[in-house]
Amino acid sequence: MKGAYPEILSRYFSSVERCDLDDLPTCFGDDATLIDDGRTYHGRAEIVAWRRKAGQAYEFIVEVLDWQQADDGTYVVATNVVSTVSGEPVGLMFRFTLRNQLISSLQIAP
């Protein structure tokens, strides 16, 4: 794996893992979008509601396996996500677009 990626991505993963609903929205721009499981969430309030809804059923640890900055400027992060409830690992890709050092768009997919 290369050196460190932008700090905002580390903050995002930490906030989501801890279900820190105070810190999570500060990772995103006001008009950010998040796409997960075929659904799109617009703005900080909907993104927080997405994580709140997941609640304890989706407590997990994210292991970053690799990352790269794509030609279009997005950051693509390959992860192994392990549920602290079931212990089942899932490989997920996170595609981040940044603007003004905040996440403006995030797509999560297998």
PDB file of N, CA and C in Angstrom:
ATOM      1  N   MET A   1       0.857  -1.181   0.000  1.00  0.00           N
ATOM      2  CA  MET A   1       0.000   0.000   0.000  1.00  0.00           C
ATOM      3  C   MET A   1       0.892   1.229   0.000  1.00  0.00           C
ATOM      4  N   LYS A   2       0.433   2.265  -0.662  1.00  0.00           N
ATOM      5  CA  LYS A   2       1.152   3.530  -0.753  1.00  0.00           C
ATOM      6  C   LYS A   2       1.131   4.250   0.598  1.00  0.00           C
ATOM      7  N   GLY A   3       1.658   5.464   0.614  1.00  0.00           N
ATOM      8  CA  GLY A   3       1.627   6.282   1.825  1.00  0.00           C
ATOM      9  C   GLY A   3       0.205   6.589   2.264  1.00  0.00           C
ATOM     10  N   ALA A   4       0.080   7.560   3.098  1.00  0.00           N
ATOM     11  CA  ALA A   4      -1.219   7.908   3.665  1.00  0.00           C
ATOM     12  C   ALA A   4      -2.107   8.605   2.632  1.00  0.00           C
ATOM     13  N   TYR A   5      -3.386   8.311   2.695  1.00  0.00           N
ATOM     14  CA  TYR A   5      -4.344   9.029   1.860  1.00  0.00           C
ATOM     15  C   TYR A   5      -4.865  10.220   2.652  1.00  0.00           C
ATOM     16  N   PRO A   6      -5.712  11.049   2.062  1.00  0.00           N
ATOM     17  CA  PRO A   6      -6.169  12.258   2.748  1.00  0.00           C
ATOM     18  C   PRO A   6      -6.773  11.956   4.126  1.00  0.00           C
ATOM     19  N   GLU A   7      -6.470  12.798   5.071  1.00  0.00           N
ATOM     20  CA  GLU A   7      -6.908  12.638   6.460  1.00  0.00           C
ATOM     21  C   GLU A   7      -8.425  12.539   6.576  1.00  0.00           C
ATOM     22  N   ILE A   8      -9.151  13.214   5.713  1.00  0.00           N
ATOM     23  CA  ILE A   8     -10.614  13.193   5.789  1.00  0.00           C
ATOM     24  C   ILE A   8     -11.149  11.778   5.591  1.00  0.00           C
ATOM     25  N   LEU A   9     -10.469  10.945   4.831  1.00  0.00           N
ATOM     26  CA  LEU A   9     -10.908   9.569   4.640  1.00  0.00           C
ATOM     27  C   LEU A   9     -10.709   8.762   5.925  1.00  0.00           C
ATOM     28  N   SER A  10      -9.600   8.982   6.597  1.00  0.00           N
ATOM     29  CA  SER A  10      -9.379   8.330   7.899  1.00  0.00           C
ATOM     30  C   SER A  10     -10.442   8.750   8.903  1.00  0.00           C
ATOM     31  N   ARG A  11     -10.763  10.050   8.914  1.00  0.00           N
ATOM     32  CA  ARG A  11     -11.808  10.539   9.822  1.00  0.00           C
ATOM     33  C   ARG A  11     -13.149   9.901   9.501  1.00  0.00           C
ATOM     34  N   TYR A  12     -13.455   9.775   8.212  1.00  0.00           N
ATOM     35  CA  TYR A  12     -14.718   9.159   7.814  1.00  0.00           C
ATOM     36  C   TYR A  12     -14.803   7.726   8.354  1.00  0.00           C
ATOM     37  N   PHE A  13     -13.791   6.902   8.069  1.00  0.00           N
ATOM     38  CA  PHE A  13     -13.830   5.505   8.514  1.00  0.00           C
ATOM     39  C   PHE A  13     -13.924   5.418  10.034  1.00  0.00           C
ATOM     40  N   SER A  14     -13.197   6.238  10.736  1.00  0.00           N
ATOM     41  CA  SER A  14     -13.245   6.241  12.196  1.00  0.00           C
ATOM     42  C   SER A  14     -14.629   6.630  12.708  1.00  0.00           C
ATOM     43  N   SER A  15     -15.206   7.672  12.127  1.00  0.00           N
ATOM     44  CA  SER A  15     -16.540   8.132  12.552  1.00  0.00           C
ATOM     45  C   SER A  15     -17.600   7.071  12.311  1.00  0.00           C
ATOM     46  N   VAL A  16     -17.538   6.415  11.153  1.00  0.00           N
ATOM     47  CA  VAL A  16     -18.530   5.398  10.819  1.00  0.00           C
ATOM     48  C   VAL A  16     -18.374   4.189  11.739  1.00  0.00           C
ATOM     49  N   GLU A  17     -17.143   3.744  11.958  1.00  0.00           N
ATOM     50  CA  GLU A  17     -16.908   2.592  12.841  1.00  0.00           C
ATOM     51  C   GLU A  17     -17.439   2.855  14.245  1.00  0.00           C
ATOM     52  N   ARG A  18     -17.197   4.055  14.755  1.00  0.00           N
ATOM     53  CA  ARG A  18     -17.604   4.400  16.123  1.00  0.00           C
ATOM     54  C   ARG A  18     -19.054   4.847  16.200  1.00  0.00           C
ATOM     55  N   CYS A  19     -19.707   4.938  15.050  1.00  0.00           N
ATOM     56  CA  CYS A  19     -21.069   5.471  14.964  1.00  0.00           C
ATOM     57  C   CYS A  19     -21.138   6.837  15.649  1.00  0.00           C
ATOM     58  N   ASP A  20     -20.108   7.649  15.369  1.00  0.00           N
ATOM     59  CA  ASP A  20     -20.006   8.992  15.940  1.00  0.00           C
ATOM     60  C   ASP A  20     -20.809   9.942  15.059  1.00  0.00           C
ATOM     61  N   LEU A  21     -22.059  10.136  15.424  1.00  0.00           N
ATOM     62  CA  LEU A  21     -22.973  10.927  14.606  1.00  0.00           C
ATOM     63  C   LEU A  21     -22.754  12.424  14.746  1.00  0.00           C
ATOM     64  N   ASP A  22     -21.857  12.832  15.652  1.00  0.00           N
ATOM     65  CA  ASP A  22     -21.468  14.239  15.737  1.00  0.00           C
ATOM     66  C   ASP A  22     -20.322  14.533  14.773  1.00  0.00           C
ATOM     67  N   ASP A  23     -19.364  13.613  14.680  1.00  0.00           N
ATOM     68  CA  ASP A  23     -18.208  13.819  13.809  1.00  0.00           C
ATOM     69  C   ASP A  23     -18.508  13.465  12.356  1.00  0.00           C
ATOM     70  N   LEU A  24     -19.327  12.449  12.126  1.00  0.00           N
ATOM     71  CA  LEU A  24     -19.596  11.977  10.770  1.00  0.00           C
ATOM     72  C   LEU A  24     -19.991  13.097   9.805  1.00  0.00           C
ATOM     73  N   PRO A  25     -20.958  13.950  10.132  1.00  0.00           N
ATOM     74  CA  PRO A  25     -21.358  14.966   9.151  1.00  0.00           C
ATOM     75  C   PRO A  25     -20.264  15.983   8.845  1.00  0.00           C
ATOM     76  N   THR A  26     -19.307  16.153   9.742  1.00  0.00           N
ATOM     77  CA  THR A  26     -18.228  17.118   9.489  1.00  0.00           C
ATOM     78  C   THR A  26     -17.245  16.607   8.434  1.00  0.00           C
ATOM     79  N   CYS A  27     -17.375  15.357   8.042  1.00  0.00           N
ATOM     80  CA  CYS A  27     -16.532  14.797   6.988  1.00  0.00           C
ATOM     81  C   CYS A  27     -17.059  15.141   5.598  1.00  0.00           C
ATOM     82  N   PHE A  28     -18.307  15.580   5.522  1.00  0.00           N
ATOM     83  CA  PHE A  28     -18.994  15.799   4.246  1.00  0.00           C
ATOM     84  C   PHE A  28     -19.281  17.270   4.003  1.00  0.00           C
ATOM     85  N   GLY A  29     -19.290  17.646   2.725  1.00  0.00           N
ATOM     86  CA  GLY A  29     -19.758  18.969   2.340  1.00  0.00           C
ATOM     87  C   GLY A  29     -21.266  19.055   2.517  1.00  0.00           C
ATOM     88  N   ASP A  30     -21.777  20.261   2.532  1.00  0.00           N
ATOM     89  CA  ASP A  30     -23.218  20.473   2.738  1.00  0.00           C
ATOM     90  C   ASP A  30     -24.088  19.730   1.728  1.00  0.00           C
ATOM     91  N   ASP A  31     -23.653  19.677   0.480  1.00  0.00           N
ATOM     92  CA  ASP A  31     -24.464  19.083  -0.580  1.00  0.00           C
ATOM     93  C   ASP A  31     -23.944  17.710  -1.016  1.00  0.00           C
ATOM     94  N   ALA A  32     -23.260  17.016  -0.125  1.00  0.00           N
ATOM     95  CA  ALA A  32     -22.658  15.720  -0.444  1.00  0.00           C
ATOM     96  C   ALA A  32     -23.721  14.664  -0.736  1.00  0.00           C
ATOM     97  N   THR A  33     -23.299  13.638  -1.481  1.00  0.00           N
ATOM     98  CA  THR A  33     -24.154  12.478  -1.717  1.00  0.00           C
ATOM     99  C   THR A  33     -23.409  11.218  -1.301  1.00  0.00           C
ATOM    100  N   LEU A  34     -24.178  10.241  -0.848  1.00  0.00           N
ATOM    101  CA  LEU A  34     -23.648   8.934  -0.481  1.00  0.00           C
ATOM    102  C   LEU A  34     -24.547   7.890  -1.127  1.00  0.00           C
ATOM    103  N   ILE A  35     -23.934   6.949  -1.831  1.00  0.00           N
ATOM    104  CA  ILE A  35     -24.686   5.872  -2.462  1.00  0.00           C
ATOM    105  C   ILE A  35     -24.249   4.568  -1.814  1.00  0.00           C
ATOM    106  N   ASP A  36     -25.207   3.852  -1.251  1.00  0.00           N
ATOM    107  CA  ASP A  36     -24.936   2.571  -0.598  1.00  0.00           C
ATOM    108  C   ASP A  36     -26.133   1.664  -0.812  1.00  0.00           C
ATOM    109  N   ASP A  37     -25.849   0.436  -1.201  1.00  0.00           N
ATOM    110  CA  ASP A  37     -26.885  -0.578  -1.350  1.00  0.00           C
ATOM    111  C   ASP A  37     -28.026  -0.120  -2.261  1.00  0.00           C
ATOM    112  N   GLY A  38     -27.653   0.610  -3.337  1.00  0.00           N
ATOM    113  CA  GLY A  38     -28.645   1.044  -4.315  1.00  0.00           C
ATOM    114  C   GLY A  38     -29.454   2.264  -3.930  1.00  0.00           C
ATOM    115  N   ARG A  39     -29.158   2.847  -2.790  1.00  0.00           N
ATOM    116  CA  ARG A  39     -29.895   4.041  -2.357  1.00  0.00           C
ATOM    117  C   ARG A  39     -28.959   5.232  -2.316  1.00  0.00           C
ATOM    118  N   THR A  40     -29.507   6.400  -2.636  1.00  0.00           N
ATOM    119  CA  THR A  40     -28.736   7.634  -2.620  1.00  0.00           C
ATOM    120  C   THR A  40     -29.232   8.526  -1.495  1.00  0.00           C
ATOM    121  N   TYR A  41     -28.282   9.063  -0.737  1.00  0.00           N
ATOM    122  CA  TYR A  41     -28.569   9.957   0.376  1.00  0.00           C
ATOM    123  C   TYR A  41     -27.955  11.310   0.038  1.00  0.00           C
ATOM    124  N   HIS A  42     -28.743  12.368   0.197  1.00  0.00           N
ATOM    125  CA  HIS A  42     -28.313  13.718  -0.167  1.00  0.00           C
ATOM    126  C   HIS A  42     -28.173  14.576   1.082  1.00  0.00           C
ATOM    127  N   GLY A  43     -27.033  15.199   1.233  1.00  0.00           N
ATOM    128  CA  GLY A  43     -26.820  16.137   2.328  1.00  0.00           C
ATOM    129  C   GLY A  43     -26.457  15.442   3.638  1.00  0.00           C
ATOM    130  N   ARG A  44     -25.923  16.242   4.532  1.00  0.00           N
ATOM    131  CA  ARG A  44     -25.432  15.722   5.816  1.00  0.00           C
ATOM    132  C   ARG A  44     -26.519  15.034   6.640  1.00  0.00           C
ATOM    133  N   ALA A  45     -27.703  15.610   6.687  1.00  0.00           N
ATOM    134  CA  ALA A  45     -28.770  15.043   7.519  1.00  0.00           C
ATOM    135  C   ALA A  45     -29.153  13.638   7.046  1.00  0.00           C
ATOM    136  N   GLU A  46     -29.285  13.438   5.746  1.00  0.00           N
ATOM    137  CA  GLU A  46     -29.638  12.102   5.230  1.00  0.00           C
ATOM    138  C   GLU A  46     -28.494  11.109   5.444  1.00  0.00           C
ATOM    139  N   ILE A  47     -27.258  11.589   5.346  1.00  0.00           N
ATOM    140  CA  ILE A  47     -26.111  10.702   5.563  1.00  0.00           C
ATOM    141  C   ILE A  47     -26.061  10.254   7.017  1.00  0.00           C
ATOM    142  N   VAL A  48     -26.316  11.158   7.932  1.00  0.00           N
ATOM    143  CA  VAL A  48     -26.364  10.790   9.360  1.00  0.00           C
ATOM    144  C   VAL A  48     -27.517   9.817   9.599  1.00  0.00           C
ATOM    145  N   ALA A  49     -28.656  10.055   8.983  1.00  0.00           N
ATOM    146  CA  ALA A  49     -29.807   9.155   9.140  1.00  0.00           C
ATOM    147  C   ALA A  49     -29.465   7.765   8.603  1.00  0.00           C
ATOM    148  N   TRP A  50     -28.715   7.685   7.500  1.00  0.00           N
ATOM    149  CA  TRP A  50     -28.248   6.400   6.942  1.00  0.00           C
ATOM    150  C   TRP A  50     -27.449   5.631   7.989  1.00  0.00           C
ATOM    151  N   ARG A  51     -26.506   6.296   8.646  1.00  0.00           N
ATOM    152  CA  ARG A  51     -25.683   5.603   9.638  1.00  0.00           C
ATOM    153  C   ARG A  51     -26.484   5.289  10.900  1.00  0.00           C
ATOM    154  N   ARG A  52     -27.349   6.198  11.311  1.00  0.00           N
ATOM    155  CA  ARG A  52     -28.179   5.968  12.495  1.00  0.00           C
ATOM    156  C   ARG A  52     -29.076   4.746  12.283  1.00  0.00           C
ATOM    157  N   LYS A  53     -29.665   4.636  11.099  1.00  0.00           N
ATOM    158  CA  LYS A  53     -30.551   3.513  10.793  1.00  0.00           C
ATOM    159  C   LYS A  53     -29.801   2.185  10.857  1.00  0.00           C
ATOM    160  N   ALA A  54     -28.560   2.191  10.391  1.00  0.00           N
ATOM    161  CA  ALA A  54     -27.749   0.965  10.444  1.00  0.00           C
ATOM    162  C   ALA A  54     -27.527   0.537  11.892  1.00  0.00           C
ATOM    163  N   GLY A  55     -27.340   1.517  12.773  1.00  0.00           N
ATOM    164  CA  GLY A  55     -27.229   1.265  14.204  1.00  0.00           C
ATOM    165  C   GLY A  55     -26.316   0.120  14.586  1.00  0.00           C
ATOM    166  N   GLN A  56     -26.645  -0.525  15.678  1.00  0.00           N
ATOM    167  CA  GLN A  56     -25.815  -1.591  16.212  1.00  0.00           C
ATOM    168  C   GLN A  56     -25.810  -2.835  15.341  1.00  0.00           C
ATOM    169  N   ALA A  57     -26.827  -2.991  14.519  1.00  0.00           N
ATOM    170  CA  ALA A  57     -26.875  -4.166  13.643  1.00  0.00           C
ATOM    171  C   ALA A  57     -25.697  -4.182  12.684  1.00  0.00           C
ATOM    172  N   TYR A  58     -25.119  -3.005  12.435  1.00  0.00           N
ATOM    173  CA  TYR A  58     -24.011  -2.913  11.496  1.00  0.00           C
ATOM    174  C   TYR A  58     -22.773  -2.322  12.144  1.00  0.00           C
ATOM    175  N   GLU A  59     -22.438  -2.795  13.338  1.00  0.00           N
ATOM    176  CA  GLU A  59     -21.168  -2.408  13.951  1.00  0.00           C
ATOM    177  C   GLU A  59     -20.079  -3.208  13.256  1.00  0.00           C
ATOM    178  N   PHE A  60     -19.002  -2.540  12.886  1.00  0.00           N
ATOM    179  CA  PHE A  60     -17.972  -3.215  12.114  1.00  0.00           C
ATOM    180  C   PHE A  60     -16.621  -2.544  12.284  1.00  0.00           C
ATOM    181  N   ILE A  61     -15.617  -3.232  11.809  1.00  0.00           N
ATOM    182  CA  ILE A  61     -14.251  -2.725  11.765  1.00  0.00           C
ATOM    183  C   ILE A  61     -13.843  -2.710  10.297  1.00  0.00           C
ATOM    184  N   VAL A  62     -13.264  -1.614   9.865  1.00  0.00           N
ATOM    185  CA  VAL A  62     -12.825  -1.481   8.478  1.00  0.00           C
ATOM    186  C   VAL A  62     -11.314  -1.632   8.417  1.00  0.00           C
ATOM    187  N   GLU A  63     -10.874  -2.581   7.616  1.00  0.00           N
ATOM    188  CA  GLU A  63      -9.444  -2.743   7.352  1.00  0.00           C
ATOM    189  C   GLU A  63      -9.188  -2.255   5.929  1.00  0.00           C
ATOM    190  N   VAL A  64      -8.402  -1.197   5.802  1.00  0.00           N
ATOM    191  CA  VAL A  64      -8.050  -0.692   4.484  1.00  0.00           C
ATOM    192  C   VAL A  64      -6.978  -1.596   3.911  1.00  0.00           C
ATOM    193  N   LEU A  65      -7.269  -2.186   2.754  1.00  0.00           N
ATOM    194  CA  LEU A  65      -6.334  -3.104   2.102  1.00  0.00           C
ATOM    195  C   LEU A  65      -5.431  -2.381   1.107  1.00  0.00           C
ATOM    196  N   ASP A  66      -6.016  -1.446   0.367  1.00  0.00           N
ATOM    197  CA  ASP A  66      -5.265  -0.718  -0.649  1.00  0.00           C
ATOM    198  C   ASP A  66      -6.077   0.505  -1.039  1.00  0.00           C
ATOM    199  N   TRP A  67      -5.425   1.446  -1.674  1.00  0.00           N
ATOM    200  CA  TRP A  67      -6.123   2.621  -2.171  1.00  0.00           C
ATOM    201  C   TRP A  67      -5.337   3.187  -3.341  1.00  0.00           C
ATOM    202  N   GLN A  68      -6.030   3.957  -4.142  1.00  0.00           N
ATOM    203  CA  GLN A  68      -5.376   4.663  -5.239  1.00  0.00           C
ATOM    204  C   GLN A  68      -6.165   5.911  -5.569  1.00  0.00           C
ATOM    205  N   GLN A  69      -5.464   6.870  -6.130  1.00  0.00           N
ATOM    206  CA  GLN A  69      -6.145   8.043  -6.650  1.00  0.00           C
ATOM    207  C   GLN A  69      -6.306   7.811  -8.140  1.00  0.00           C
ATOM    208  N   ALA A  70      -7.538   7.760  -8.587  1.00  0.00           N
ATOM    209  CA  ALA A  70      -7.842   7.491  -9.997  1.00  0.00           C
ATOM    210  C   ALA A  70      -7.536   8.713 -10.855  1.00  0.00           C
ATOM    211  N   ASP A  71      -7.498   8.504 -12.158  1.00  0.00           N
ATOM    212  CA  ASP A  71      -7.211   9.585 -13.101  1.00  0.00           C
ATOM    213  C   ASP A  71      -8.202  10.738 -12.986  1.00  0.00           C
ATOM    214  N   ASP A  72      -9.448  10.434 -12.586  1.00  0.00           N
ATOM    215  CA  ASP A  72     -10.459  11.486 -12.461  1.00  0.00           C
ATOM    216  C   ASP A  72     -10.387  12.216 -11.114  1.00  0.00           C
ATOM    217  N   GLY A  73      -9.385  11.869 -10.281  1.00  0.00           N
ATOM    218  CA  GLY A  73      -9.201  12.548  -8.998  1.00  0.00           C
ATOM    219  C   GLY A  73      -9.890  11.882  -7.828  1.00  0.00           C
ATOM    220  N   THR A  74     -10.731  10.893  -8.095  1.00  0.00           N
ATOM    221  CA  THR A  74     -11.395  10.202  -6.992  1.00  0.00           C
ATOM    222  C   THR A  74     -10.401   9.297  -6.279  1.00  0.00           C
ATOM    223  N   TYR A  75     -10.723   8.985  -5.039  1.00  0.00           N
ATOM    224  CA  TYR A  75      -9.937   8.039  -4.252  1.00  0.00           C
ATOM    225  C   TYR A  75     -10.732   6.749  -4.154  1.00  0.00           C
ATOM    226  N   VAL A  76     -10.113   5.650  -4.553  1.00  0.00           N
ATOM    227  CA  VAL A  76     -10.756   4.347  -4.507  1.00  0.00           C
ATOM    228  C   VAL A  76     -10.056   3.541  -3.423  1.00  0.00           C
ATOM    229  N   VAL A  77     -10.834   3.136  -2.416  1.00  0.00           N
ATOM    230  CA  VAL A  77     -10.278   2.452  -1.254  1.00  0.00           C
ATOM    231  C   VAL A  77     -10.879   1.048  -1.173  1.00  0.00           C
ATOM    232  N   ALA A  78     -10.004   0.043  -1.264  1.00  0.00           N
ATOM    233  CA  ALA A  78     -10.422  -1.354  -1.111  1.00  0.00           C
ATOM    234  C   ALA A  78     -10.331  -1.710   0.359  1.00  0.00           C
ATOM    235  N   THR A  79     -11.409  -2.306   0.876  1.00  0.00           N
ATOM    236  CA  THR A  79     -11.458  -2.616   2.306  1.00  0.00           C
ATOM    237  C   THR A  79     -11.949  -4.040   2.552  1.00  0.00           C
ATOM    238  N   ASN A  80     -11.673  -4.490   3.746  1.00  0.00           N
ATOM    239  CA  ASN A  80     -12.274  -5.691   4.287  1.00  0.00           C
ATOM    240  C   ASN A  80     -13.060  -5.208   5.500  1.00  0.00           C
ATOM    241  N   VAL A  81     -14.361  -5.340   5.458  1.00  0.00           N
ATOM    242  CA  VAL A  81     -15.230  -4.874   6.533  1.00  0.00           C
ATOM    243  C   VAL A  81     -15.692  -6.096   7.317  1.00  0.00           C
ATOM    244  N   VAL A  82     -15.398  -6.098   8.628  1.00  0.00           N
ATOM    245  CA  VAL A  82     -15.726  -7.247   9.460  1.00  0.00           C
ATOM    246  C   VAL A  82     -16.768  -6.833  10.494  1.00  0.00           C
ATOM    247  N   SER A  83     -17.898  -7.517  10.504  1.00  0.00           N
ATOM    248  CA  SER A  83     -18.956  -7.259  11.470  1.00  0.00           C
ATOM    249  C   SER A  83     -18.493  -7.675  12.859  1.00  0.00           C
ATOM    250  N   THR A  84     -18.676  -6.779  13.834  1.00  0.00           N
ATOM    251  CA  THR A  84     -18.347  -7.144  15.216  1.00  0.00           C
ATOM    252  C   THR A  84     -19.443  -8.007  15.823  1.00  0.00           C
ATOM    253  N   VAL A  85     -20.577  -8.106  15.147  1.00  0.00           N
ATOM    254  CA  VAL A  85     -21.686  -8.927  15.623  1.00  0.00           C
ATOM    255  C   VAL A  85     -21.546 -10.358  15.108  1.00  0.00           C
ATOM    256  N   SER A  86     -21.424 -10.500  13.780  1.00  0.00           N
ATOM    257  CA  SER A  86     -21.377 -11.840  13.185  1.00  0.00           C
ATOM    258  C   SER A  86     -19.960 -12.329  12.904  1.00  0.00           C
ATOM    259  N   GLY A  87     -19.017 -11.404  12.798  1.00  0.00           N
ATOM    260  CA  GLY A  87     -17.653 -11.783  12.459  1.00  0.00           C
ATOM    261  C   GLY A  87     -17.440 -12.036  10.988  1.00  0.00           C
ATOM    262  N   GLU A  88     -18.488 -11.880  10.195  1.00  0.00           N
ATOM    263  CA  GLU A  88     -18.407 -12.138   8.756  1.00  0.00           C
ATOM    264  C   GLU A  88     -17.708 -10.985   8.037  1.00  0.00           C
ATOM    265  N   PRO A  89     -16.652 -11.289   7.269  1.00  0.00           N
ATOM    266  CA  PRO A  89     -15.986 -10.238   6.495  1.00  0.00           C
ATOM    267  C   PRO A  89     -16.666 -10.017   5.140  1.00  0.00           C
ATOM    268  N   VAL A  90     -16.623  -8.780   4.677  1.00  0.00           N
ATOM    269  CA  VAL A  90     -17.158  -8.419   3.368  1.00  0.00           C
ATOM    270  C   VAL A  90     -16.154  -7.477   2.714  1.00  0.00           C
ATOM    271  N   GLY A  91     -15.819  -7.747   1.461  1.00  0.00           N
ATOM    272  CA  GLY A  91     -14.958  -6.842   0.712  1.00  0.00           C
ATOM    273  C   GLY A  91     -15.795  -5.730   0.100  1.00  0.00           C
ATOM    274  N   LEU A  92     -15.463  -4.487   0.422  1.00  0.00           N
ATOM    275  CA  LEU A  92     -16.185  -3.346  -0.128  1.00  0.00           C
ATOM    276  C   LEU A  92     -15.205  -2.338  -0.709  1.00  0.00           C
ATOM    277  N   MET A  93     -15.658  -1.681  -1.764  1.00  0.00           N
ATOM    278  CA  MET A  93     -14.904  -0.597  -2.382  1.00  0.00           C
ATOM    279  C   MET A  93     -15.598   0.719  -2.052  1.00  0.00           C
ATOM    280  N   PHE A  94     -14.815   1.682  -1.640  1.00  0.00           N
ATOM    281  CA  PHE A  94     -15.306   3.017  -1.340  1.00  0.00           C
ATOM    282  C   PHE A  94     -14.688   3.964  -2.357  1.00  0.00           C
ATOM    283  N   ARG A  95     -15.530   4.688  -3.090  1.00  0.00           N
ATOM    284  CA  ARG A  95     -15.048   5.651  -4.087  1.00  0.00           C
ATOM    285  C   ARG A  95     -15.428   7.048  -3.593  1.00  0.00           C
ATOM    286  N   PHE A  96     -14.408   7.813  -3.215  1.00  0.00           N
ATOM    287  CA  PHE A  96     -14.591   9.144  -2.648  1.00  0.00           C
ATOM    288  C   PHE A  96     -14.243  10.220  -3.675  1.00  0.00           C
ATOM    289  N   THR A  97     -15.074  11.238  -3.754  1.00  0.00           N
ATOM    290  CA  THR A  97     -14.742  12.464  -4.463  1.00  0.00           C
ATOM    291  C   THR A  97     -14.651  13.556  -3.403  1.00  0.00           C
ATOM    292  N   LEU A  98     -13.573  14.314  -3.449  1.00  0.00           N
ATOM    293  CA  LEU A  98     -13.352  15.366  -2.456  1.00  0.00           C
ATOM    294  C   LEU A  98     -13.489  16.737  -3.101  1.00  0.00           C
ATOM    295  N   ARG A  99     -13.960  17.683  -2.304  1.00  0.00           N
ATOM    296  CA  ARG A  99     -14.009  19.083  -2.707  1.00  0.00           C
ATOM    297  C   ARG A  99     -13.766  19.909  -1.452  1.00  0.00           C
ATOM    298  N   ASN A 100     -12.825  20.828  -1.535  1.00  0.00           N
ATOM    299  CA  ASN A 100     -12.472  21.677  -0.393  1.00  0.00           C
ATOM    300  C   ASN A 100     -12.132  20.847   0.848  1.00  0.00           C
ATOM    301  N   GLN A 101     -11.424  19.760   0.633  1.00  0.00           N
ATOM    302  CA  GLN A 101     -10.936  18.863   1.689  1.00  0.00           C
ATOM    303  C   GLN A 101     -12.058  18.178   2.471  1.00  0.00           C
ATOM    304  N   LEU A 102     -13.251  18.102   1.872  1.00  0.00           N
ATOM    305  CA  LEU A 102     -14.376  17.370   2.442  1.00  0.00           C
ATOM    306  C   LEU A 102     -14.887  16.385   1.399  1.00  0.00           C
ATOM    307  N   ILE A 103     -15.631  15.378   1.850  1.00  0.00           N
ATOM    308  CA  ILE A 103     -16.206  14.400   0.931  1.00  0.00           C
ATOM    309  C   ILE A 103     -17.426  15.042   0.253  1.00  0.00           C
ATOM    310  N   SER A 104     -17.390  15.068  -1.066  1.00  0.00           N
ATOM    311  CA  SER A 104     -18.550  15.591  -1.800  1.00  0.00           C
ATOM    312  C   SER A 104     -19.406  14.463  -2.353  1.00  0.00           C
ATOM    313  N   SER A 105     -18.781  13.283  -2.541  1.00  0.00           N
ATOM    314  CA  SER A 105     -19.512  12.131  -3.050  1.00  0.00           C
ATOM    315  C   SER A 105     -18.825  10.861  -2.563  1.00  0.00           C
ATOM    316  N   LEU A 106     -19.635   9.886  -2.183  1.00  0.00           N
ATOM    317  CA  LEU A 106     -19.124   8.588  -1.762  1.00  0.00           C
ATOM    318  C   LEU A 106     -20.028   7.512  -2.319  1.00  0.00           C
ATOM    319  N   GLN A 107     -19.401   6.537  -2.994  1.00  0.00           N
ATOM    320  CA  GLN A 107     -20.127   5.364  -3.488  1.00  0.00           C
ATOM    321  C   GLN A 107     -19.522   4.146  -2.813  1.00  0.00           C
ATOM    322  N   ILE A 108     -20.373   3.310  -2.221  1.00  0.00           N
ATOM    323  CA  ILE A 108     -19.947   2.100  -1.544  1.00  0.00           C
ATOM    324  C   ILE A 108     -20.522   0.908  -2.315  1.00  0.00           C
ATOM    325  N   ALA A 109     -19.650  -0.016  -2.704  1.00  0.00           N
ATOM    326  CA  ALA A 109     -20.108  -1.175  -3.490  1.00  0.00           C
ATOM    327  C   ALA A 109     -19.185  -2.368  -3.243  1.00  0.00           C
ATOM    328  N   PRO A 110     -19.720  -3.569  -3.459  1.00  0.00           N
ATOM    329  CA  PRO A 110     -18.863  -4.771  -3.332  1.00  0.00           C
ATOM    330  C   PRO A 110     -17.787  -4.790  -4.403  1.00  0.00           C
TER     331      PRO A 110
END
